[in-house]
Amino acid sequence: MRGSEALVTALGMMNYPHVTRRARHSPLPKGLTFLLEVAAGESDALREASALTGQPEAHLRKAAGFFVEQVLLSQPMDHYRILGCGCESSNADLRRHMALIMRWLHPDVISSGAPAYRFDKSLYASRVTEAWEALKTNERRAAYDSALAGSMTWEGARPAGRSRHSSVAPPLEDAPVAETRLQKGQSLPLLKRDAFWTRILLLFAGRP
């Protein structure tokens, strides 16, 4: 079974939108490829995600798309984060994520969603294209990595997984262990307690 931490986070964000701002400035959770496959509407991923969570496929696609829009593309980030990757990611992962995000941005995919979730893909497609162009060859990637390491001026360049205004979050080891309720009468299985994003969701889920 593929890693589901990112998908669990996306579902939690839909029910607890007050965590979204924090999510934009936190390291990315594991399982981004799986989440992007769900957002892009890949049938195998949707079936697996539905079996894992008990959620309808349409809701899963909406939640995954919400995560992509709010966490990866909502504001200028470094190019790795836009593609849902880190500086340690392989070229194959970068290409795969770029393709999945662009598929999610395709008008046919967007138009099939609820009216509130339809938007002009050009708002985000240019950011994805720019990120891919900066990282798609070893030479360009090395130059970009050098710019990041040397804190050189580069539009949108920031340490992978961090934004300009991010700060180190306090430890959440004491977050209550409880199920994250997604819809009345439904819940998701817990992931490992030491998962960063799961602790954030558990912390907020425990509040009235």
Protein backbone atom coordinates (compact mmCIF):
# COMPACT_ATOMS: atom_id res chain seq x y z
CA MET A 1 0.00 0.00 0.00
CA ARG A 2 1.31 3.43 -0.93
CA GLY A 3 2.07 6.10 1.66
CA SER A 4 -1.12 7.92 2.62
CA GLU A 5 0.09 10.64 4.98
CA ALA A 6 -0.43 13.42 2.41
CA LEU A 7 -3.91 12.14 1.55
CA VAL A 8 -4.92 11.96 5.22
CA THR A 9 -3.62 15.51 5.63
CA ALA A 10 -5.63 16.72 2.63
CA LEU A 11 -8.83 15.21 3.99
CA GLY A 12 -8.15 16.74 7.38
CA MET A 13 -7.55 20.16 5.83
CA MET A 14 -10.97 20.02 4.19
CA ASN A 15 -12.65 19.63 7.58
CA TYR A 16 -10.22 21.77 9.57
CA PRO A 17 -9.35 24.66 7.21
CA HIS A 18 -7.66 26.60 10.01
CA VAL A 19 -4.60 24.34 9.62
CA THR A 20 -4.12 25.45 6.01
CA ARG A 21 -1.96 28.49 6.77
CA ARG A 22 0.34 26.40 8.94
CA ALA A 23 0.46 23.72 6.26
CA ARG A 24 1.80 26.21 3.72
CA HIS A 25 4.87 26.77 5.88
CA SER A 26 5.53 23.21 7.02
CA PRO A 27 7.68 20.47 5.47
CA LEU A 28 5.76 18.43 2.95
CA PRO A 29 4.21 15.17 4.18
CA LYS A 30 5.07 11.80 2.71
CA GLY A 31 2.95 10.24 -0.01
CA LEU A 32 2.77 13.22 -2.39
CA THR A 33 2.89 10.99 -5.49
CA PHE A 34 -0.17 9.08 -4.30
CA LEU A 35 -2.01 12.33 -3.54
CA LEU A 36 -1.16 13.77 -6.97
CA GLU A 37 -2.36 10.59 -8.66
CA VAL A 38 -5.68 10.99 -6.84
CA ALA A 39 -5.89 14.67 -7.78
CA ALA A 40 -5.18 13.80 -11.42
CA GLY A 41 -7.97 11.22 -11.41
CA GLU A 42 -5.94 8.04 -11.94
CA SER A 43 -8.40 5.20 -11.55
CA ASP A 44 -6.12 2.79 -9.66
CA ALA A 45 -5.11 5.45 -7.16
CA LEU A 46 -8.73 6.52 -6.64
CA ARG A 47 -9.85 2.96 -5.98
CA GLU A 48 -7.02 2.38 -3.52
CA ALA A 49 -7.65 5.70 -1.79
CA SER A 50 -11.37 5.01 -1.48
CA ALA A 51 -10.71 1.54 -0.04
CA LEU A 52 -8.21 3.01 2.43
CA THR A 53 -10.35 5.90 3.66
CA GLY A 54 -13.94 4.87 3.01
CA GLN A 55 -14.44 8.21 1.25
CA PRO A 56 -16.13 8.67 -2.17
CA GLU A 57 -13.76 9.17 -5.08
CA ALA A 58 -15.20 12.59 -5.88
CA HIS A 59 -14.48 13.80 -2.33
CA LEU A 60 -10.96 12.40 -2.45
CA ARG A 61 -10.22 14.22 -5.72
CA LYS A 62 -11.58 17.44 -4.27
CA ALA A 63 -9.46 17.09 -1.11
CA ALA A 64 -6.31 16.23 -3.06
CA GLY A 65 -6.86 19.18 -5.39
CA PHE A 66 -7.43 21.47 -2.41
CA PHE A 67 -4.07 20.39 -0.99
CA VAL A 68 -2.27 21.02 -4.29
CA GLU A 69 -3.82 24.46 -4.64
CA GLN A 70 -3.33 25.56 -1.03
CA VAL A 71 0.00 23.97 -0.10
CA LEU A 72 1.97 23.64 -3.34
CA LEU A 73 0.71 26.46 -5.54
CA SER A 74 -0.93 29.08 -3.35
CA GLN A 75 2.08 31.38 -3.11
CA PRO A 76 5.58 31.63 -4.59
CA MET A 77 7.59 28.77 -3.17
CA ASP A 78 10.81 27.15 -4.23
CA HIS A 79 10.57 25.13 -7.42
CA TYR A 80 10.93 21.78 -5.67
CA ARG A 81 7.94 22.44 -3.44
CA ILE A 82 5.78 23.55 -6.36
CA LEU A 83 6.33 20.08 -7.81
CA GLY A 84 5.66 18.40 -4.47
CA CYS A 85 9.28 17.28 -4.17
CA GLY A 86 12.46 17.96 -2.21
CA CYS A 87 16.01 18.58 -3.31
CA GLU A 88 16.71 14.88 -2.76
CA SER A 89 14.01 13.79 -5.23
CA SER A 90 15.02 11.99 -8.39
CA ASN A 91 14.61 13.48 -11.84
CA ALA A 92 12.01 10.80 -12.52
CA ASP A 93 9.97 11.93 -9.51
CA LEU A 94 10.17 15.57 -10.62
CA ARG A 95 8.94 14.64 -14.09
CA ARG A 96 6.18 12.39 -12.74
CA HIS A 97 4.88 15.06 -10.35
CA MET A 98 5.00 17.76 -13.02
CA ALA A 99 2.95 15.57 -15.35
CA LEU A 100 0.39 14.75 -12.65
CA ILE A 101 -0.08 18.38 -11.63
CA MET A 102 -0.47 19.46 -15.24
CA ARG A 103 -3.04 16.71 -15.73
CA TRP A 104 -4.90 17.97 -12.67
CA LEU A 105 -4.84 21.46 -14.23
CA HIS A 106 -6.25 20.22 -17.53
CA PRO A 107 -9.59 21.93 -18.33
CA ASP A 108 -11.39 18.58 -18.67
CA VAL A 109 -10.39 17.62 -15.12
CA ILE A 110 -11.20 21.01 -13.63
CA SER A 111 -14.56 21.31 -15.38
CA SER A 112 -15.68 17.98 -13.95
CA GLY A 113 -15.48 19.31 -10.41
CA ALA A 114 -17.95 21.33 -8.39
CA PRO A 115 -18.37 24.97 -9.51
CA ALA A 116 -16.58 26.27 -6.41
CA TYR A 117 -13.47 24.32 -7.38
CA ARG A 118 -13.27 25.37 -11.03
CA PHE A 119 -10.64 27.95 -11.95
CA ASP A 120 -8.49 29.20 -14.78
CA LYS A 121 -5.55 26.79 -15.04
CA SER A 122 -3.28 29.56 -16.28
CA LEU A 123 -3.18 30.89 -12.72
CA TYR A 124 -1.05 27.92 -11.73
CA ALA A 125 0.20 26.29 -14.92
CA SER A 126 2.86 28.96 -15.40
CA ARG A 127 4.29 28.27 -11.94
CA VAL A 128 4.48 24.55 -12.62
CA THR A 129 6.07 25.12 -16.02
CA GLU A 130 8.63 27.54 -14.59
CA ALA A 131 9.55 25.08 -11.83
CA TRP A 132 9.96 22.23 -14.29
CA GLU A 133 12.05 24.31 -16.67
CA ALA A 134 14.41 25.23 -13.82
CA LEU A 135 14.91 21.61 -12.76
CA LYS A 136 14.42 19.37 -15.79
CA THR A 137 18.12 18.96 -16.71
CA ASN A 138 21.06 18.14 -14.47
CA GLU A 139 22.77 21.39 -15.45
CA ARG A 140 19.77 23.58 -14.65
CA ARG A 141 19.09 21.72 -11.45
CA ALA A 142 22.70 22.11 -10.31
CA ALA A 143 22.52 25.84 -10.99
CA TYR A 144 19.28 26.14 -9.05
CA ASP A 145 20.64 24.09 -6.15
CA SER A 146 23.69 26.33 -6.08
CA ALA A 147 21.46 29.39 -5.93
CA LEU A 148 19.55 27.93 -3.01
CA ALA A 149 22.67 26.90 -1.13
CA GLY A 150 24.31 30.27 -1.63
CA SER A 151 21.17 32.29 -0.87
CA MET A 152 21.53 33.97 -4.24
CA THR A 153 18.74 36.09 -5.68
CA TRP A 154 16.42 33.80 -7.58
CA GLU A 155 12.74 34.49 -7.93
CA GLY A 156 10.85 32.08 -5.75
CA ALA A 157 13.99 30.32 -4.54
CA ARG A 158 13.87 29.24 -0.91
CA PRO A 159 15.08 26.18 0.98
CA ALA A 160 13.05 23.14 -0.06
CA GLY A 161 9.87 22.82 1.92
CA ARG A 162 10.16 26.27 3.53
CA SER A 163 8.67 29.63 2.65
CA ARG A 164 10.08 33.10 3.21
CA HIS A 165 8.04 33.59 6.36
CA SER A 166 8.21 30.05 7.73
CA SER A 167 9.35 29.33 11.23
CA VAL A 168 10.34 26.19 13.07
CA ALA A 169 7.28 24.70 14.67
CA PRO A 170 7.37 23.66 18.33
CA PRO A 171 7.43 19.91 18.93
CA LEU A 172 4.04 18.25 19.04
CA GLU A 173 4.95 15.04 20.86
CA ASP A 174 2.14 15.63 23.36
CA ALA A 175 -0.58 15.91 20.74
CA PRO A 176 -3.58 13.83 21.85
CA VAL A 177 -3.97 10.47 20.19
CA ALA A 178 -7.49 10.38 18.78
CA GLU A 179 -9.17 9.63 15.51
CA THR A 180 -9.35 12.45 12.97
CA ARG A 181 -13.05 12.75 12.20
CA LEU A 182 -13.68 13.59 8.57
CA GLN A 183 -17.42 13.31 8.27
CA LYS A 184 -20.13 12.41 10.69
CA GLY A 185 -19.88 8.73 11.43
CA GLN A 186 -16.65 8.26 9.44
CA SER A 187 -13.00 8.33 10.37
CA LEU A 188 -9.60 7.50 8.96
CA PRO A 189 -7.14 5.00 10.40
CA LEU A 190 -4.31 6.67 12.29
CA LEU A 191 -0.82 6.74 10.87
CA LYS A 192 2.33 6.48 12.96
CA ARG A 193 2.23 8.89 15.89
CA ASP A 194 5.63 10.36 15.02
CA ALA A 195 4.40 11.65 11.65
CA PHE A 196 4.73 15.45 11.65
CA TRP A 197 1.56 16.21 9.72
CA THR A 198 -0.49 13.63 11.59
CA ARG A 199 0.45 15.25 14.91
CA ILE A 200 -0.74 18.62 13.61
CA LEU A 201 -4.08 17.17 12.53
CA LEU A 202 -4.52 15.27 15.77
CA LEU A 203 -3.77 18.42 17.75
CA PHE A 204 -6.48 20.41 16.02
CA ALA A 205 -8.89 17.48 15.81
CA GLY A 206 -8.84 17.28 19.57
CA ARG A 207 -10.06 20.86 19.95
CA PRO A 208 -13.78 21.67 20.26
